[in-house]
């Protein structure tokens, strides 16, 4: 990505073109949940975000926390600050 401070890299031109949109000011897809306020350029990003408001958390960590998305569990484990982070559960 050519946006200063971003540093993301993509294997295909279409992927970088889609990513560049995330840096735009206009974010018409707004989370409908009260007190959230998150907004997105792309509708599929809003759909993915909405999972965090769900009670369905199929990605558990050994520390007792659970996540709606696998990438959130991966980031949680990478921080290495919980008792369940080691062991790759």
Protein backbone atom coordinates (compact mmCIF):
# COMPACT_ATOMS: atom_id res chain seq x y z
CA UNK A 1 0.00 0.00 0.00
CA UNK A 2 1.35 3.40 -0.92
CA UNK A 3 -0.47 5.21 1.89
CA UNK A 4 2.08 6.57 4.37
CA UNK A 5 2.22 4.49 7.54
CA UNK A 6 0.16 1.58 6.20
CA UNK A 7 2.81 -0.86 5.00
CA UNK A 8 0.39 -3.57 3.83
CA UNK A 9 1.43 -5.67 0.84
CA UNK A 10 -0.81 -7.60 -1.54
CA UNK A 11 -0.12 -10.26 -4.18
CA UNK A 12 -2.67 -9.02 -6.73
CA UNK A 13 -3.53 -5.62 -8.17
CA UNK A 14 -7.23 -6.16 -7.44
CA UNK A 15 -6.46 -6.75 -3.76
CA UNK A 16 -4.46 -3.54 -3.39
CA UNK A 17 -7.18 -1.59 -5.22
CA UNK A 18 -9.77 -2.93 -2.80
CA UNK A 19 -7.54 -2.19 0.19
CA UNK A 20 -6.89 1.41 -0.89
CA UNK A 21 -10.62 2.05 -0.46
CA UNK A 22 -10.27 1.46 3.29
CA UNK A 23 -8.22 4.66 3.53
CA UNK A 24 -11.00 6.81 2.06
CA UNK A 25 -12.99 9.28 4.16
CA UNK A 26 -16.44 8.20 2.94
CA UNK A 27 -17.52 5.10 4.87
CA UNK A 28 -21.19 4.54 4.04
CA UNK A 29 -21.62 1.14 5.73
CA UNK A 30 -22.33 1.89 9.41
CA UNK A 31 -22.71 -0.70 12.16
CA UNK A 32 -26.36 -0.68 13.31
CA UNK A 33 -25.55 -1.71 16.90
CA UNK A 34 -26.11 0.92 19.57
CA UNK A 35 -22.98 2.65 20.86
CA UNK A 36 -20.68 0.99 18.30
CA UNK A 37 -20.13 3.71 15.71
CA UNK A 38 -17.87 1.62 13.45
CA UNK A 39 -18.18 2.40 9.74
CA UNK A 40 -16.69 0.84 6.65
CA UNK A 41 -16.00 1.56 2.99
CA UNK A 42 -16.85 -1.99 1.94
CA UNK A 43 -20.06 -3.82 2.82
CA UNK A 44 -18.26 -7.13 3.36
CA UNK A 45 -16.10 -5.46 6.03
CA UNK A 46 -19.27 -4.40 7.88
CA UNK A 47 -20.67 -7.94 7.65
CA UNK A 48 -17.42 -9.35 9.05
CA UNK A 49 -17.39 -6.72 11.82
CA UNK A 50 -20.97 -7.52 12.86
CA UNK A 51 -19.83 -10.95 14.07
CA UNK A 52 -18.20 -9.32 17.09
CA UNK A 53 -21.67 -8.37 18.35
CA UNK A 54 -22.86 -12.00 18.17
CA UNK A 55 -23.06 -14.33 21.15
CA UNK A 56 -21.63 -17.06 18.89
CA UNK A 57 -17.91 -17.22 19.77
CA UNK A 58 -16.61 -20.45 18.19
CA UNK A 59 -12.89 -19.60 18.61
CA UNK A 60 -11.91 -20.24 22.25
CA UNK A 61 -8.55 -19.62 23.89
CA UNK A 62 -7.25 -21.73 26.75
CA UNK A 63 -7.45 -18.68 29.03
CA UNK A 64 -11.25 -18.72 28.89
CA UNK A 65 -11.82 -15.93 26.38
CA UNK A 66 -13.63 -16.74 23.15
CA UNK A 67 -13.85 -14.89 19.87
CA UNK A 68 -16.30 -14.57 17.00
CA UNK A 69 -13.48 -14.53 14.44
CA UNK A 70 -10.40 -16.69 14.06
CA UNK A 71 -8.16 -13.73 13.27
CA UNK A 72 -9.12 -12.13 16.60
CA UNK A 73 -8.03 -15.30 18.42
CA UNK A 74 -4.76 -15.29 16.47
CA UNK A 75 -4.06 -11.67 17.47
CA UNK A 76 -5.00 -12.45 21.08
CA UNK A 77 -2.56 -15.37 21.20
CA UNK A 78 0.18 -13.35 19.49
CA UNK A 79 0.09 -10.81 22.32
CA UNK A 80 1.30 -13.58 24.65
CA UNK A 81 -0.23 -12.04 27.76
CA UNK A 82 -2.83 -14.66 28.71
CA UNK A 83 -2.38 -18.05 30.34
CA UNK A 84 -3.85 -19.83 27.32
CA UNK A 85 -1.69 -18.13 24.69
CA UNK A 86 0.95 -20.85 24.70
CA UNK A 87 0.17 -24.26 23.32
CA UNK A 88 -1.77 -23.18 20.22
CA UNK A 89 -5.20 -24.39 21.23
